N, C-alpha and C. Protein backbone atom coordinates (compact mmCIF):
# COMPACT_ATOMS: atom_id res chain seq x y z
N MET A 1 175.88 154.55 44.80
CA MET A 1 175.78 155.94 44.39
C MET A 1 174.89 155.99 43.14
N ASN A 2 173.87 156.82 43.18
CA ASN A 2 172.98 156.88 42.01
C ASN A 2 173.61 157.68 40.87
N THR A 3 173.03 157.54 39.70
CA THR A 3 173.58 158.15 38.49
C THR A 3 173.61 159.66 38.56
N LYS A 4 172.55 160.29 39.07
CA LYS A 4 172.48 161.75 39.14
C LYS A 4 173.57 162.31 40.06
N LEU A 5 173.75 161.69 41.21
CA LEU A 5 174.79 162.14 42.14
C LEU A 5 176.17 161.96 41.52
N LEU A 6 176.37 160.87 40.81
CA LEU A 6 177.64 160.64 40.14
C LEU A 6 177.89 161.69 39.06
N GLN A 7 176.84 162.06 38.31
CA GLN A 7 176.98 163.10 37.29
C GLN A 7 177.37 164.44 37.92
N VAL A 8 176.74 164.77 39.03
CA VAL A 8 177.06 166.02 39.73
C VAL A 8 178.51 165.99 40.22
N PHE A 9 178.90 164.88 40.78
CA PHE A 9 180.26 164.74 41.30
C PHE A 9 181.29 164.87 40.18
N VAL A 10 181.06 164.18 39.06
CA VAL A 10 181.98 164.26 37.93
C VAL A 10 182.01 165.68 37.37
N GLY A 11 180.84 166.34 37.30
CA GLY A 11 180.80 167.72 36.83
C GLY A 11 181.61 168.64 37.72
N LEU A 12 181.49 168.46 39.02
CA LEU A 12 182.26 169.29 39.95
C LEU A 12 183.76 169.01 39.82
N LEU A 13 184.12 167.75 39.62
CA LEU A 13 185.53 167.44 39.42
C LEU A 13 186.07 168.09 38.16
N CYS A 14 185.29 168.06 37.09
CA CYS A 14 185.72 168.69 35.84
C CYS A 14 185.87 170.19 36.01
N MET A 15 184.89 170.80 36.69
CA MET A 15 184.96 172.24 36.90
C MET A 15 186.18 172.59 37.76
N THR A 16 186.46 171.77 38.76
CA THR A 16 187.61 172.01 39.61
C THR A 16 188.90 171.87 38.82
N ALA A 17 188.95 170.91 37.91
CA ALA A 17 190.15 170.72 37.10
C ALA A 17 190.38 171.89 36.16
N ILE A 18 189.30 172.49 35.67
CA ILE A 18 189.40 173.62 34.74
C ILE A 18 189.79 174.89 35.48
N LEU A 19 189.17 175.11 36.60
CA LEU A 19 189.43 176.33 37.37
C LEU A 19 190.59 176.11 38.32
N VAL A 20 191.44 177.07 38.47
CA VAL A 20 192.55 176.97 39.41
C VAL A 20 192.16 177.63 40.72
N ASN A 21 192.83 177.21 41.77
CA ASN A 21 192.51 177.74 43.09
C ASN A 21 193.01 179.17 43.23
N GLY A 22 192.20 180.01 43.84
CA GLY A 22 192.59 181.39 44.07
C GLY A 22 191.79 182.37 43.25
N SER A 23 192.14 183.61 43.36
CA SER A 23 191.45 184.70 42.67
C SER A 23 192.04 184.91 41.29
N LYS A 24 191.19 185.13 40.31
CA LYS A 24 191.66 185.31 38.93
C LYS A 24 190.94 186.47 38.28
N SER A 25 191.66 187.21 37.43
CA SER A 25 191.09 188.28 36.62
C SER A 25 191.47 188.04 35.18
N TYR A 26 190.53 188.30 34.27
CA TYR A 26 190.77 188.10 32.86
C TYR A 26 190.35 189.35 32.10
N PRO A 27 191.30 190.19 31.66
CA PRO A 27 190.94 191.39 30.90
C PRO A 27 190.47 191.01 29.50
N ALA A 28 189.51 191.78 28.97
CA ALA A 28 189.01 191.54 27.61
C ALA A 28 190.07 191.89 26.58
N SER A 29 190.82 192.94 26.84
CA SER A 29 191.91 193.34 25.94
C SER A 29 192.85 194.25 26.71
N SER A 30 193.96 194.59 26.09
CA SER A 30 194.92 195.48 26.76
C SER A 30 194.52 196.94 26.64
N GLU A 31 193.44 197.23 25.93
CA GLU A 31 193.00 198.61 25.69
C GLU A 31 191.89 199.06 26.64
N GLY A 32 191.70 198.38 27.72
CA GLY A 32 190.62 198.71 28.64
C GLY A 32 189.39 197.89 28.34
N GLY A 33 188.29 198.25 28.93
CA GLY A 33 187.06 197.49 28.73
C GLY A 33 186.73 196.70 29.97
N PRO A 34 185.87 195.69 29.85
CA PRO A 34 185.49 194.91 31.02
C PRO A 34 186.61 193.98 31.47
N ILE A 35 186.70 193.76 32.76
CA ILE A 35 187.65 192.81 33.33
C ILE A 35 186.87 191.93 34.29
N ILE A 36 186.71 190.67 33.93
CA ILE A 36 185.98 189.75 34.80
C ILE A 36 186.91 189.28 35.90
N HIS A 37 186.43 189.34 37.13
CA HIS A 37 187.22 188.95 38.29
C HIS A 37 186.39 187.98 39.12
N VAL A 38 186.96 186.80 39.40
CA VAL A 38 186.29 185.80 40.21
C VAL A 38 187.10 185.61 41.48
N ARG A 39 186.49 185.92 42.63
CA ARG A 39 187.21 185.84 43.90
C ARG A 39 187.58 184.41 44.25
N LYS A 40 186.64 183.51 44.18
CA LYS A 40 186.86 182.11 44.54
C LYS A 40 186.51 181.29 43.31
N THR A 41 187.48 180.58 42.76
CA THR A 41 187.25 179.89 41.49
C THR A 41 186.90 178.41 41.65
N MET A 42 186.87 177.90 42.87
CA MET A 42 186.47 176.51 43.06
C MET A 42 185.80 176.34 44.41
N ASN A 43 185.03 175.28 44.52
CA ASN A 43 184.36 174.94 45.76
C ASN A 43 184.38 173.43 45.90
N VAL A 44 184.73 172.95 47.08
CA VAL A 44 184.75 171.52 47.34
C VAL A 44 183.65 171.22 48.35
N PHE A 45 182.73 170.35 47.95
CA PHE A 45 181.66 169.96 48.85
C PHE A 45 182.11 168.81 49.72
N SER A 46 181.59 168.78 50.95
CA SER A 46 181.83 167.63 51.81
C SER A 46 180.93 166.49 51.35
N PRO A 47 181.18 165.27 51.79
CA PRO A 47 180.33 164.15 51.37
C PRO A 47 178.86 164.41 51.74
N VAL A 48 177.98 163.94 50.88
CA VAL A 48 176.54 164.12 51.09
C VAL A 48 175.83 162.79 50.91
N PHE A 49 174.62 162.71 51.43
CA PHE A 49 173.80 161.53 51.26
C PHE A 49 173.07 161.59 49.92
N GLU A 50 172.76 160.43 49.39
CA GLU A 50 172.05 160.36 48.13
C GLU A 50 170.74 161.13 48.23
N GLY A 51 170.46 161.95 47.20
CA GLY A 51 169.23 162.73 47.17
C GLY A 51 169.38 164.15 47.69
N GLU A 52 170.47 164.44 48.40
CA GLU A 52 170.68 165.80 48.89
C GLU A 52 171.02 166.71 47.72
N LYS A 53 170.59 167.95 47.81
CA LYS A 53 170.90 168.93 46.77
C LYS A 53 172.08 169.77 47.20
N LEU A 54 172.94 170.07 46.23
CA LEU A 54 174.11 170.90 46.48
C LEU A 54 174.01 172.18 45.67
N SER A 55 174.48 173.27 46.24
CA SER A 55 174.54 174.52 45.49
C SER A 55 175.68 175.36 46.04
N HIS A 56 176.17 176.23 45.20
CA HIS A 56 177.22 177.17 45.59
C HIS A 56 177.11 178.40 44.70
N THR A 57 177.33 179.55 45.24
CA THR A 57 177.29 180.79 44.48
C THR A 57 178.70 181.32 44.31
N PHE A 58 179.11 181.54 43.07
CA PHE A 58 180.40 182.15 42.79
C PHE A 58 180.17 183.64 42.55
N THR A 59 181.00 184.49 43.15
CA THR A 59 180.89 185.93 42.99
C THR A 59 181.76 186.37 41.83
N VAL A 60 181.13 187.03 40.85
CA VAL A 60 181.83 187.52 39.66
C VAL A 60 181.73 189.04 39.67
N LEU A 61 182.86 189.71 39.55
CA LEU A 61 182.90 191.17 39.57
C LEU A 61 183.44 191.71 38.25
N ASN A 62 183.01 192.89 37.88
CA ASN A 62 183.57 193.61 36.73
C ASN A 62 184.48 194.70 37.29
N GLN A 63 185.77 194.56 37.09
CA GLN A 63 186.73 195.57 37.56
C GLN A 63 187.25 196.42 36.42
N GLY A 64 186.55 196.39 35.30
CA GLY A 64 186.96 197.17 34.14
C GLY A 64 186.24 198.49 34.06
N THR A 65 186.40 199.14 32.92
CA THR A 65 185.85 200.48 32.72
C THR A 65 184.56 200.51 31.91
N THR A 66 184.18 199.38 31.31
CA THR A 66 182.93 199.32 30.55
C THR A 66 182.11 198.13 31.03
N ASP A 67 180.87 198.05 30.55
CA ASP A 67 179.96 196.98 30.98
C ASP A 67 180.52 195.61 30.65
N LEU A 68 180.32 194.68 31.57
CA LEU A 68 180.66 193.28 31.35
C LEU A 68 179.37 192.56 31.01
N ASN A 69 179.29 192.01 29.82
CA ASN A 69 178.11 191.27 29.38
C ASN A 69 178.42 189.78 29.38
N ILE A 70 177.72 189.05 30.23
CA ILE A 70 177.85 187.60 30.26
C ILE A 70 176.71 187.05 29.43
N LYS A 71 177.04 186.49 28.28
CA LYS A 71 176.02 186.07 27.33
C LYS A 71 175.62 184.61 27.48
N ARG A 72 176.50 183.80 28.05
CA ARG A 72 176.18 182.38 28.17
C ARG A 72 176.94 181.79 29.34
N VAL A 73 176.28 180.94 30.09
CA VAL A 73 176.90 180.20 31.19
C VAL A 73 176.57 178.74 30.99
N THR A 74 177.58 177.88 31.10
CA THR A 74 177.36 176.44 30.95
C THR A 74 178.04 175.72 32.09
N THR A 75 177.61 174.50 32.34
CA THR A 75 178.24 173.66 33.33
C THR A 75 179.12 172.65 32.61
N SER A 76 180.04 172.08 33.34
CA SER A 76 180.89 171.07 32.71
C SER A 76 180.45 169.68 33.11
């Protein structure tokens, strides 16, 4: 297994450990405002061959009453 594939695999494992399975909503405060809602919080890839590229799109919704501003996104 090459180093890049191992890094991707470890990153996905870390992200899976951080995110719980199922749908989650996180209100900004109890006074209204944006509410970030993620329908699917994890993705498990099937085994791949070295050199293959993996991608997945997570759907993020704002179910609140004001704009949801996502200022930074990072990988684990």
